[in-house]
C-alpha atoms as a PDB file:
ATOM      1  CA  MET A   1     -12.851 -37.908  -1.387  1.00  0.00           C
ATOM      2  CA  PHE A   2      -9.160 -38.440  -0.736  1.00  0.00           C
ATOM      3  CA  LYS A   3      -8.258 -35.462  -2.919  1.00  0.00           C
ATOM      4  CA  ILE A   4     -10.760 -33.218  -1.142  1.00  0.00           C
ATOM      5  CA  LYS A   5      -9.227 -34.154   2.201  1.00  0.00           C
ATOM      6  CA  THR A   6      -5.778 -33.488   0.763  1.00  0.00           C
ATOM      7  CA  TRP A   7      -6.707 -29.989  -0.375  1.00  0.00           C
ATOM      8  CA  ILE A   8      -8.381 -29.277   2.955  1.00  0.00           C
ATOM      9  CA  SER A   9      -5.203 -30.391   4.694  1.00  0.00           C
ATOM     10  CA  ALA A  10      -3.108 -28.179   2.383  1.00  0.00           C
ATOM     11  CA  ALA A  11      -5.363 -25.225   3.293  1.00  0.00           C
ATOM     12  CA  ARG A  12      -4.166 -25.666   6.919  1.00  0.00           C
ATOM     13  CA  LEU A  13      -7.462 -25.024   8.680  1.00  0.00           C
ATOM     14  CA  ARG A  14      -5.739 -24.441  12.008  1.00  0.00           C
ATOM     15  CA  THR A  15      -4.290 -21.177  10.635  1.00  0.00           C
ATOM     16  CA  LEU A  16      -7.662 -19.722   9.610  1.00  0.00           C
ATOM     17  CA  PRO A  17      -8.953 -18.487  13.010  1.00  0.00           C
ATOM     18  CA  LEU A  18      -5.845 -16.352  13.433  1.00  0.00           C
ATOM     19  CA  SER A  19      -6.356 -14.754  10.023  1.00  0.00           C
ATOM     20  CA  ILE A  20      -9.821 -13.432  10.888  1.00  0.00           C
ATOM     21  CA  SER A  21      -8.866 -12.071  14.324  1.00  0.00           C
ATOM     22  CA  GLY A  22      -8.044  -8.636  12.944  1.00  0.00           C
ATOM     23  CA  ILE A  23     -11.303  -8.518  10.983  1.00  0.00           C
ATOM     24  CA  LEU A  24     -13.273  -9.201  14.166  1.00  0.00           C
ATOM     25  CA  VAL A  25     -11.456  -6.471  16.080  1.00  0.00           C
ATOM     26  CA  GLY A  26     -11.636  -3.875  13.308  1.00  0.00           C
ATOM     27  CA  SER A  27     -15.297  -4.609  12.590  1.00  0.00           C
ATOM     28  CA  SER A  28     -16.384  -4.408  16.234  1.00  0.00           C
ATOM     29  CA  LEU A  29     -14.673  -1.033  16.509  1.00  0.00           C
ATOM     30  CA  GLY A  30     -16.271   0.219  13.313  1.00  0.00           C
ATOM     31  CA  ASN A  31     -19.835  -1.066  13.682  1.00  0.00           C
ATOM     32  CA  HIS A  32     -21.473  -2.646  16.738  1.00  0.00           C
ATOM     33  CA  ASP A  33     -23.894  -4.522  14.443  1.00  0.00           C
ATOM     34  CA  PHE A  34     -21.094  -5.775  12.189  1.00  0.00           C
ATOM     35  CA  LEU A  35     -22.415  -9.357  12.141  1.00  0.00           C
ATOM     36  CA  LYS A  36     -25.414  -8.142  10.135  1.00  0.00           C
ATOM     37  CA  THR A  37     -23.348  -6.382   7.482  1.00  0.00           C
ATOM     38  CA  ALA A  38     -22.162  -7.557   4.073  1.00  0.00           C
ATOM     39  CA  ILE A  39     -18.887  -5.679   4.636  1.00  0.00           C
ATOM     40  CA  PHE A  40     -17.948  -7.974   7.529  1.00  0.00           C
ATOM     41  CA  TRP A  41     -18.733 -11.233   5.765  1.00  0.00           C
ATOM     42  CA  LEU A  42     -17.010 -10.185   2.544  1.00  0.00           C
ATOM     43  CA  ALA A  43     -13.985  -9.098   4.585  1.00  0.00           C
ATOM     44  CA  ILE A  44     -13.986 -12.541   6.240  1.00  0.00           C
ATOM     45  CA  ALA A  45     -14.218 -14.270   2.842  1.00  0.00           C
ATOM     46  CA  THR A  46     -11.382 -12.149   1.441  1.00  0.00           C
ATOM     47  CA  THR A  47      -9.163 -12.726   4.456  1.00  0.00           C
ATOM     48  CA  LEU A  48      -9.760 -16.477   4.421  1.00  0.00           C
ATOM     49  CA  GLY A  49      -8.960 -16.492   0.717  1.00  0.00           C
ATOM     50  CA  LEU A  50      -5.692 -14.682   1.367  1.00  0.00           C
ATOM     51  CA  GLN A  51      -4.736 -17.078   4.166  1.00  0.00           C
ATOM     52  CA  ILE A  52      -5.505 -20.184   2.105  1.00  0.00           C
ATOM     53  CA  LEU A  53      -3.631 -18.651  -0.841  1.00  0.00           C
ATOM     54  CA  SER A  54      -0.656 -18.030   1.439  1.00  0.00           C
ATOM     55  CA  ASN A  55      -0.769 -21.609   2.706  1.00  0.00           C
ATOM     56  CA  PHE A  56      -0.913 -23.068  -0.813  1.00  0.00           C
ATOM     57  CA  ALA A  57       1.912 -20.771  -1.957  1.00  0.00           C
ATOM     58  CA  ASN A  58       3.989 -21.678   1.103  1.00  0.00           C
ATOM     59  CA  ASP A  59       3.497 -25.365   0.382  1.00  0.00           C
ATOM     60  CA  TYR A  60       4.503 -24.835  -3.244  1.00  0.00           C
ATOM     61  CA  GLY A  61       7.466 -22.529  -2.573  1.00  0.00           C
ATOM     62  CA  ASP A  62       9.004 -24.626   0.177  1.00  0.00           C
ATOM     63  CA  GLY A  63       8.240 -27.816  -1.723  1.00  0.00           C
ATOM     64  CA  VAL A  64       9.921 -26.661  -4.924  1.00  0.00           C
ATOM     65  CA  LYS A  65      12.949 -25.294  -3.056  1.00  0.00           C
ATOM     66  CA  GLY A  66      13.317 -28.497  -1.046  1.00  0.00           C
ATOM     67  CA  THR A  67      12.847 -26.704   2.269  1.00  0.00           C
ATOM     68  CA  ASP A  68      10.125 -29.163   3.218  1.00  0.00           C
ATOM     69  CA  ASN A  69      12.141 -32.342   3.698  1.00  0.00           C
ATOM     70  CA  ASP A  70      12.626 -35.165   6.171  1.00  0.00           C
ATOM     71  CA  ASP A  71      14.448 -32.839   8.586  1.00  0.00           C
ATOM     72  CA  ARG A  72      11.424 -30.597   8.945  1.00  0.00           C
ATOM     73  CA  VAL A  73       9.394 -30.745  12.166  1.00  0.00           C
ATOM     74  CA  GLY A  74       5.605 -30.548  12.056  1.00  0.00           C
ATOM     75  CA  PRO A  75       2.890 -31.812   9.705  1.00  0.00           C
ATOM     76  CA  GLN A  76       4.050 -33.107   6.333  1.00  0.00           C
ATOM     77  CA  ARG A  77       3.116 -30.796   3.455  1.00  0.00           C
ATOM     78  CA  ALA A  78       1.180 -31.752   0.319  1.00  0.00           C
ATOM     79  CA  ILE A  79       3.961 -31.358  -2.245  1.00  0.00           C
ATOM     80  CA  GLN A  80       6.543 -32.787   0.159  1.00  0.00           C
ATOM     81  CA  SER A  81       4.467 -35.952   0.537  1.00  0.00           C
ATOM     82  CA  GLY A  82       3.498 -36.131  -3.139  1.00  0.00           C
ATOM     83  CA  ALA A  83      -0.218 -35.908  -2.289  1.00  0.00           C
ATOM     84  CA  ILE A  84      -0.579 -32.917  -4.637  1.00  0.00           C
ATOM     85  CA  SER A  85       1.618 -32.380  -7.690  1.00  0.00           C
ATOM     86  CA  ARG A  86       3.444 -29.121  -8.310  1.00  0.00           C
ATOM     87  CA  LYS A  87       1.278 -28.376 -11.360  1.00  0.00           C
ATOM     88  CA  ALA A  88      -1.945 -29.044  -9.458  1.00  0.00           C
ATOM     89  CA  MET A  89      -0.831 -26.847  -6.568  1.00  0.00           C
ATOM     90  CA  LEU A  90       0.118 -24.053  -8.948  1.00  0.00           C
ATOM     91  CA  ASN A  91      -3.335 -24.286 -10.537  1.00  0.00           C
ATOM     92  CA  GLY A  92      -4.857 -24.167  -7.063  1.00  0.00           C
ATOM     93  CA  ILE A  93      -2.844 -21.036  -6.270  1.00  0.00           C
ATOM     94  CA  VAL A  94      -4.048 -19.278  -9.431  1.00  0.00           C
ATOM     95  CA  ALA A  95      -7.679 -20.260  -8.806  1.00  0.00           C
ATOM     96  CA  THR A  96      -7.549 -19.130  -5.165  1.00  0.00           C
ATOM     97  CA  ALA A  97      -5.930 -15.821  -6.159  1.00  0.00           C
ATOM     98  CA  ILE A  98      -8.696 -15.124  -8.700  1.00  0.00           C
ATOM     99  CA  ILE A  99     -11.475 -15.998  -6.245  1.00  0.00           C
ATOM    100  CA  THR A 100      -9.868 -13.862  -3.539  1.00  0.00           C
ATOM    101  CA  LEU A 101      -9.494 -10.894  -5.900  1.00  0.00           C
ATOM    102  CA  CYS A 102     -13.157 -11.176  -6.897  1.00  0.00           C
ATOM    103  CA  SER A 103     -14.144 -11.222  -3.226  1.00  0.00           C
ATOM    104  CA  ALA A 104     -11.953  -8.157  -2.573  1.00  0.00           C
ATOM    105  CA  VAL A 105     -13.508  -6.244  -5.497  1.00  0.00           C
ATOM    106  CA  LEU A 106     -17.006  -7.047  -4.238  1.00  0.00           C
ATOM    107  CA  LEU A 107     -15.999  -5.933  -0.728  1.00  0.00           C
ATOM    108  CA  ILE A 108     -14.715  -2.625  -2.119  1.00  0.00           C
ATOM    109  CA  TYR A 109     -17.902  -2.057  -4.125  1.00  0.00           C
ATOM    110  CA  VAL A 110     -20.179  -2.812  -1.175  1.00  0.00           C
ATOM    111  CA  SER A 111     -18.122  -0.517   1.063  1.00  0.00           C
ATOM    112  CA  PHE A 112     -17.828   2.506  -1.237  1.00  0.00           C
ATOM    113  CA  LYS A 113     -20.453   1.973  -3.995  1.00  0.00           C
ATOM    114  CA  GLU A 114     -19.978   4.576  -6.756  1.00  0.00           C
ATOM    115  CA  ASN A 115     -18.667   7.104  -4.250  1.00  0.00           C
ATOM    116  CA  ASP A 116     -15.114   7.629  -2.967  1.00  0.00           C
ATOM    117  CA  PHE A 117     -13.330   6.603  -6.171  1.00  0.00           C
ATOM    118  CA  PHE A 118      -9.932   7.333  -4.625  1.00  0.00           C
ATOM    119  CA  TYR A 119     -10.590   5.011  -1.680  1.00  0.00           C
ATOM    120  CA  SER A 120     -11.832   2.291  -4.034  1.00  0.00           C
ATOM    121  CA  VAL A 121      -8.651   2.475  -6.114  1.00  0.00           C
ATOM    122  CA  PHE A 122      -6.493   2.537  -2.984  1.00  0.00           C
ATOM    123  CA  TYR A 123      -8.178  -0.580  -1.554  1.00  0.00           C
ATOM    124  CA  PHE A 124      -7.989  -2.338  -4.913  1.00  0.00           C
ATOM    125  CA  PHE A 125      -4.214  -1.930  -5.017  1.00  0.00           C
ATOM    126  CA  LEU A 126      -4.044  -2.832  -1.326  1.00  0.00           C
ATOM    127  CA  GLY A 127      -5.880  -6.048  -2.176  1.00  0.00           C
ATOM    128  CA  LEU A 128      -3.498  -6.762  -5.049  1.00  0.00           C
ATOM    129  CA  SER A 129      -0.557  -6.127  -2.728  1.00  0.00           C
ATOM    130  CA  ALA A 130      -1.970  -8.570  -0.179  1.00  0.00           C
ATOM    131  CA  ILE A 131      -2.372 -11.242  -2.869  1.00  0.00           C
ATOM    132  CA  VAL A 132       1.176 -10.732  -4.112  1.00  0.00           C
ATOM    133  CA  ALA A 133       2.503 -10.762  -0.540  1.00  0.00           C
ATOM    134  CA  ALA A 134       0.659 -14.004   0.182  1.00  0.00           C
ATOM    135  CA  MET A 135       2.301 -15.640  -2.824  1.00  0.00           C
ATOM    136  CA  LYS A 136       5.790 -14.160  -2.535  1.00  0.00           C
ATOM    137  CA  TYR A 137       6.443 -15.327   1.031  1.00  0.00           C
ATOM    138  CA  THR A 138       8.175 -18.462  -0.237  1.00  0.00           C
ATOM    139  CA  MET A 139       7.519 -18.481  -4.005  1.00  0.00           C
ATOM    140  CA  GLY A 140      10.063 -17.247  -6.533  1.00  0.00           C
ATOM    141  CA  THR A 141      13.742 -16.369  -6.391  1.00  0.00           C
ATOM    142  CA  SER A 142      13.093 -13.222  -4.331  1.00  0.00           C
ATOM    143  CA  ALA A 143      10.834 -14.803  -1.711  1.00  0.00           C
ATOM    144  CA  TYR A 144      10.861 -12.428   1.251  1.00  0.00           C
ATOM    145  CA  GLY A 145      10.313 -15.253   3.741  1.00  0.00           C
ATOM    146  CA  TYR A 146      13.841 -16.426   2.904  1.00  0.00           C
ATOM    147  CA  LYS A 147      15.242 -12.985   3.712  1.00  0.00           C
ATOM    148  CA  GLY A 148      13.875 -12.597   7.228  1.00  0.00           C
ATOM    149  CA  LEU A 149      11.071 -10.228   6.189  1.00  0.00           C
ATOM    150  CA  GLY A 150       8.105 -12.474   6.909  1.00  0.00           C
ATOM    151  CA  ASP A 151       7.565 -10.900  10.317  1.00  0.00           C
ATOM    152  CA  VAL A 152       7.205  -7.426   8.821  1.00  0.00           C
ATOM    153  CA  PHE A 153       4.567  -8.524   6.328  1.00  0.00           C
ATOM    154  CA  VAL A 154       2.604 -10.498   8.914  1.00  0.00           C
ATOM    155  CA  PHE A 155       2.551  -7.504  11.261  1.00  0.00           C
ATOM    156  CA  ILE A 156       1.410  -5.162   8.491  1.00  0.00           C
ATOM    157  CA  PHE A 157      -1.275  -7.334   6.899  1.00  0.00           C
ATOM    158  CA  PHE A 158      -2.543  -9.320   9.908  1.00  0.00           C
ATOM    159  CA  GLY A 159      -2.450  -6.310  12.214  1.00  0.00           C
ATOM    160  CA  LEU A 160      -2.515  -2.843  10.682  1.00  0.00           C
ATOM    161  CA  VAL A 161      -4.252  -3.591   7.384  1.00  0.00           C
ATOM    162  CA  SER A 162      -6.702  -6.062   8.889  1.00  0.00           C
ATOM    163  CA  VAL A 163      -7.808  -3.985  11.897  1.00  0.00           C
ATOM    164  CA  VAL A 164      -7.376  -0.402  10.702  1.00  0.00           C
ATOM    165  CA  GLY A 165      -8.384  -1.256   7.145  1.00  0.00           C
ATOM    166  CA  CYS A 166     -11.590  -2.963   8.249  1.00  0.00           C
ATOM    167  CA  PHE A 167     -12.411  -0.125  10.663  1.00  0.00           C
ATOM    168  CA  PHE A 168     -12.062   2.359   7.788  1.00  0.00           C
ATOM    169  CA  LEU A 169     -14.371   0.332   5.534  1.00  0.00           C
ATOM    170  CA  PHE A 170     -17.139   0.858   8.092  1.00  0.00           C
ATOM    171  CA  THR A 171     -16.429   4.402   9.241  1.00  0.00           C
ATOM    172  CA  LYS A 172     -14.581   6.045   6.296  1.00  0.00           C
ATOM    173  CA  ARG A 173     -12.260   7.677   8.825  1.00  0.00           C
ATOM    174  CA  LEU A 174      -9.090   6.998  10.799  1.00  0.00           C
ATOM    175  CA  ASP A 175      -8.740   7.001  14.570  1.00  0.00           C
ATOM    176  CA  MET A 176      -5.259   6.807  16.042  1.00  0.00           C
ATOM    177  CA  LEU A 177      -6.552   4.806  19.029  1.00  0.00           C
ATOM    178  CA  ILE A 178      -7.428   1.950  16.676  1.00  0.00           C
ATOM    179  CA  PHE A 179      -3.723   1.402  16.064  1.00  0.00           C
ATOM    180  CA  LEU A 180      -3.329   0.062  19.616  1.00  0.00           C
ATOM    181  CA  PRO A 181      -5.478  -3.071  19.132  1.00  0.00           C
ATOM    182  CA  ALA A 182      -4.108  -3.295  15.580  1.00  0.00           C
ATOM    183  CA  ILE A 183      -0.571  -3.456  16.970  1.00  0.00           C
ATOM    184  CA  SER A 184      -1.689  -6.089  19.461  1.00  0.00           C
ATOM    185  CA  ILE A 185      -3.192  -8.395  16.836  1.00  0.00           C
ATOM    186  CA  GLY A 186      -0.205  -7.737  14.568  1.00  0.00           C
ATOM    187  CA  VAL A 187       2.487  -8.661  17.079  1.00  0.00           C
ATOM    188  CA  LEU A 188       0.588 -11.697  18.357  1.00  0.00           C
ATOM    189  CA  SER A 189       0.215 -12.941  14.777  1.00  0.00           C
ATOM    190  CA  THR A 190       3.925 -12.306  14.288  1.00  0.00           C
ATOM    191  CA  ALA A 191       4.589 -14.317  17.450  1.00  0.00           C
ATOM    192  CA  VAL A 192       2.882 -17.316  15.815  1.00  0.00           C
ATOM    193  CA  LEU A 193       5.198 -17.001  12.812  1.00  0.00           C
ATOM    194  CA  ASN A 194       8.226 -16.585  15.067  1.00  0.00           C
ATOM    195  CA  LEU A 195       7.251 -19.679  17.028  1.00  0.00           C
ATOM    196  CA  ASN A 196       6.901 -21.599  13.764  1.00  0.00           C
ATOM    197  CA  ASN A 197      10.322 -20.405  12.669  1.00  0.00           C
ATOM    198  CA  MET A 198      11.894 -21.323  16.019  1.00  0.00           C
ATOM    199  CA  ARG A 199      10.445 -24.808  15.622  1.00  0.00           C
ATOM    200  CA  ASP A 200      11.953 -25.024  12.120  1.00  0.00           C
ATOM    201  CA  TYR A 201      15.232 -23.303  13.023  1.00  0.00           C
ATOM    202  CA  HIS A 202      17.579 -26.227  12.405  1.00  0.00           C
ATOM    203  CA  SER A 203      15.986 -27.407   9.142  1.00  0.00           C
ATOM    204  CA  ASP A 204      15.615 -23.819   7.811  1.00  0.00           C
ATOM    205  CA  LYS A 205      19.235 -23.019   8.595  1.00  0.00           C
ATOM    206  CA  LYS A 206      20.348 -26.197   6.892  1.00  0.00           C
ATOM    207  CA  VAL A 207      18.604 -25.378   3.590  1.00  0.00           C
ATOM    208  CA  GLY A 208      19.388 -21.636   3.610  1.00  0.00           C
ATOM    209  CA  LYS A 209      15.945 -20.298   4.527  1.00  0.00           C
ATOM    210  CA  ASN A 210      17.123 -17.216   6.388  1.00  0.00           C
ATOM    211  CA  THR A 211      14.122 -16.411   8.518  1.00  0.00           C
ATOM    212  CA  LEU A 212      14.493 -13.767  11.206  1.00  0.00           C
ATOM    213  CA  VAL A 213      15.041 -16.587  13.713  1.00  0.00           C
ATOM    214  CA  VAL A 214      17.943 -17.934  11.641  1.00  0.00           C
ATOM    215  CA  LYS A 215      19.396 -14.433  11.419  1.00  0.00           C
ATOM    216  CA  LEU A 216      18.999 -13.767  15.155  1.00  0.00           C
ATOM    217  CA  GLY A 217      19.839 -17.208  16.504  1.00  0.00           C
ATOM    218  CA  LEU A 218      17.644 -19.047  18.991  1.00  0.00           C
ATOM    219  CA  PRO A 219      18.623 -17.145  22.190  1.00  0.00           C
ATOM    220  CA  LEU A 220      17.721 -13.749  20.694  1.00  0.00           C
ATOM    221  CA  ALA A 221      14.693 -15.224  18.916  1.00  0.00           C
ATOM    222  CA  ARG A 222      13.314 -16.282  22.312  1.00  0.00           C
ATOM    223  CA  ILE A 223      13.770 -12.759  23.694  1.00  0.00           C
ATOM    224  CA  TYR A 224      12.128 -11.373  20.550  1.00  0.00           C
ATOM    225  CA  HIS A 225       9.240 -13.801  21.102  1.00  0.00           C
ATOM    226  CA  TYR A 226       8.693 -12.679  24.698  1.00  0.00           C
ATOM    227  CA  SER A 227       8.825  -9.056  23.529  1.00  0.00           C
ATOM    228  CA  LEU A 228       6.128  -9.632  20.906  1.00  0.00           C
ATOM    229  CA  LEU A 229       3.777 -11.183  23.450  1.00  0.00           C
ATOM    230  CA  ILE A 230       4.413  -8.490  26.056  1.00  0.00           C
ATOM    231  CA  VAL A 231       3.882  -5.686  23.516  1.00  0.00           C
ATOM    232  CA  GLY A 232       0.667  -7.381  22.398  1.00  0.00           C
ATOM    233  CA  MET A 233      -0.731  -7.479  25.912  1.00  0.00           C
ATOM    234  CA  LEU A 234       0.578  -4.014  26.762  1.00  0.00           C
ATOM    235  CA  SER A 235      -0.955  -2.281  23.726  1.00  0.00           C
ATOM    236  CA  MET A 236      -4.368  -3.807  24.490  1.00  0.00           C
ATOM    237  CA  THR A 237      -4.040  -2.756  28.144  1.00  0.00           C
ATOM    238  CA  ILE A 238      -3.216   0.829  27.141  1.00  0.00           C
ATOM    239  CA  TYR A 239      -6.263   0.880  24.869  1.00  0.00           C
ATOM    240  CA  LEU A 240      -8.363  -0.412  27.767  1.00  0.00           C
ATOM    241  CA  PHE A 241      -6.992   2.266  30.094  1.00  0.00           C
ATOM    242  CA  ILE A 242      -7.830   5.049  27.617  1.00  0.00           C
ATOM    243  CA  THR A 243     -11.297   3.844  26.590  1.00  0.00           C
ATOM    244  CA  TYR A 244     -12.568   2.115  29.758  1.00  0.00           C
ATOM    245  CA  LYS A 245     -16.317   2.557  30.342  1.00  0.00           C
ATOM    246  CA  SER A 246     -17.558  -0.470  32.285  1.00  0.00           C
ATOM    247  CA  LEU A 247     -16.509  -3.847  33.707  1.00  0.00           C
ATOM    248  CA  ILE A 248     -17.412  -5.612  30.449  1.00  0.00           C
ATOM    249  CA  ASN A 249     -14.408  -3.887  28.857  1.00  0.00           C
ATOM    250  CA  LEU A 250     -12.163  -6.037  31.067  1.00  0.00           C
ATOM    251  CA  VAL A 251     -13.369  -9.355  29.658  1.00  0.00           C
ATOM    252  CA  PHE A 252     -10.626  -9.712  27.027  1.00  0.00           C
ATOM    253  CA  LEU A 253      -7.999  -9.785  29.790  1.00  0.00           C
ATOM    254  CA  ILE A 254      -8.975 -13.447  30.240  1.00  0.00           C
ATOM    255  CA  ALA A 255      -7.019 -14.197  27.051  1.00  0.00           C
ATOM    256  CA  PHE A 256      -3.836 -12.968  28.720  1.00  0.00           C
ATOM    257  CA  ILE A 257      -3.801 -16.028  30.981  1.00  0.00           C
ATOM    258  CA  PRO A 258      -2.921 -18.603  28.279  1.00  0.00           C
ATOM    259  CA  LEU A 259      -0.419 -16.134  26.796  1.00  0.00           C
ATOM    260  CA  ILE A 260       1.401 -15.881  30.136  1.00  0.00           C
ATOM    261  CA  ILE A 261       1.324 -19.678  30.486  1.00  0.00           C
ATOM    262  CA  HIS A 262       2.740 -19.918  26.961  1.00  0.00           C
ATOM    263  CA  ILE A 263       5.643 -17.591  27.828  1.00  0.00           C
ATOM    264  CA  LYS A 264       6.507 -19.852  30.761  1.00  0.00           C
ATOM    265  CA  LYS A 265       6.327 -22.879  28.452  1.00  0.00           C
ATOM    266  CA  VAL A 266       8.760 -21.330  25.965  1.00  0.00           C
ATOM    267  CA  VAL A 267      11.142 -20.354  28.764  1.00  0.00           C
ATOM    268  CA  TYR A 268      11.390 -23.923  30.043  1.00  0.00           C
ATOM    269  CA  THR A 269      11.247 -25.764  26.684  1.00  0.00           C
ATOM    270  CA  LYS A 270      14.781 -26.282  25.426  1.00  0.00           C
ATOM    271  CA  ASP A 271      13.979 -28.508  22.431  1.00  0.00           C
ATOM    272  CA  THR A 272      12.424 -26.198  19.800  1.00  0.00           C
ATOM    273  CA  ALA A 273      10.843 -29.200  18.062  1.00  0.00           C
ATOM    274  CA  LEU A 274       8.401 -29.293  20.983  1.00  0.00           C
ATOM    275  CA  PHE A 275       7.045 -25.848  20.063  1.00  0.00           C
ATOM    276  CA  ASP A 276       4.643 -27.302  17.469  1.00  0.00           C
ATOM    277  CA  PRO A 277       1.654 -27.709  19.856  1.00  0.00           C
ATOM    278  CA  GLU A 278       2.216 -24.147  21.067  1.00  0.00           C
ATOM    279  CA  LEU A 279       1.497 -22.786  17.587  1.00  0.00           C
ATOM    280  CA  LYS A 280      -2.160 -23.738  17.828  1.00  0.00           C
ATOM    281  CA  LYS A 281      -2.365 -22.413  21.396  1.00  0.00           C
ATOM    282  CA  VAL A 282      -1.074 -18.931  20.526  1.00  0.00           C
ATOM    283  CA  ALA A 283      -3.152 -18.740  17.344  1.00  0.00           C
ATOM    284  CA  LEU A 284      -6.352 -19.773  19.136  1.00  0.00           C
ATOM    285  CA  THR A 285      -5.582 -17.485  22.074  1.00  0.00           C
ATOM    286  CA  THR A 286      -5.252 -14.548  19.658  1.00  0.00           C
ATOM    287  CA  PHE A 287      -8.595 -15.573  18.150  1.00  0.00           C
ATOM    288  CA  LEU A 288     -10.095 -15.789  21.653  1.00  0.00           C
ATOM    289  CA  LEU A 289      -8.717 -12.334  22.429  1.00  0.00           C
ATOM    290  CA  SER A 290     -10.366 -10.940  19.292  1.00  0.00           C
ATOM    291  CA  ILE A 291     -13.720 -12.521  20.198  1.00  0.00           C
ATOM    292  CA  LEU A 292     -13.646 -11.266  23.784  1.00  0.00           C
ATOM    293  CA  PHE A 293     -12.485  -7.826  22.665  1.00  0.00           C
ATOM    294  CA  SER A 294     -15.325  -7.662  20.134  1.00  0.00           C
ATOM    295  CA  LEU A 295     -17.831  -8.645  22.798  1.00  0.00           C
ATOM    296  CA  SER A 296     -16.474  -5.965  25.125  1.00  0.00           C
ATOM    297  CA  GLU A 297     -17.028  -3.381  22.380  1.00  0.00           C
ATOM    298  CA  ILE A 298     -20.556  -4.311  21.329  1.00  0.00           C
ATOM    299  CA  LEU A 299     -22.192  -5.281  24.641  1.00  0.00           C
END
């Protein structure tokens, strides 16, 4: 039982709602009855697999490199604490990658069947790229998370790929308007990463983990953070302005309230170690936004 709890803890359940936000938005735009479709649930399974894979790989990469140490703020990681050995975690990473790839292949088959061979191949390599990206964030000598590129990958995969990619699975077409909510989910997800990196600024800088926050410095990282949140709210507002049909379309604006409160919190919080509780707030607010947005689309 202890081991099960340890693996559940290593999966970082609090990160999972954020990972499915883009799937909810993209699915609601692509099919108003998305909850009844196999495409939606397989997309959810694949996305959760990718997020858990990323969390395991992050635990392993930072643990092996010594980034997770006593200076680090936030929950203690599995390898850092010795709760899971390096070999066991590596085995868990391989197993999760295989399961996630199988889920992705099934999603592709259900979406395209024997038709659209080109799209099937494209999504297969997109799935492989997502798996590699999930693992390479902190694993290996060329981990992009140590080069300040984590924000780019989060924006692409949590925003554009998740929303636009899921929309295409349902509709087999592109719509430029869909990029507005995709940008919103992407930048808000990036804001969660940036907040995490601001919290870990001092320990990351000390061990040479050159996140974008370390490269920018805390003053600019704060401005960058405000910009991400403002762009996220602005892109959703523009989409609302273009597509408005009834009052129900306004419901997702409720999620802007905690985001505005969060901005004020970051402005007045000088000690970045105190940002840890804000991580959950921004992640859950993004999830709330995706739920309310989906409701506004299907009701």
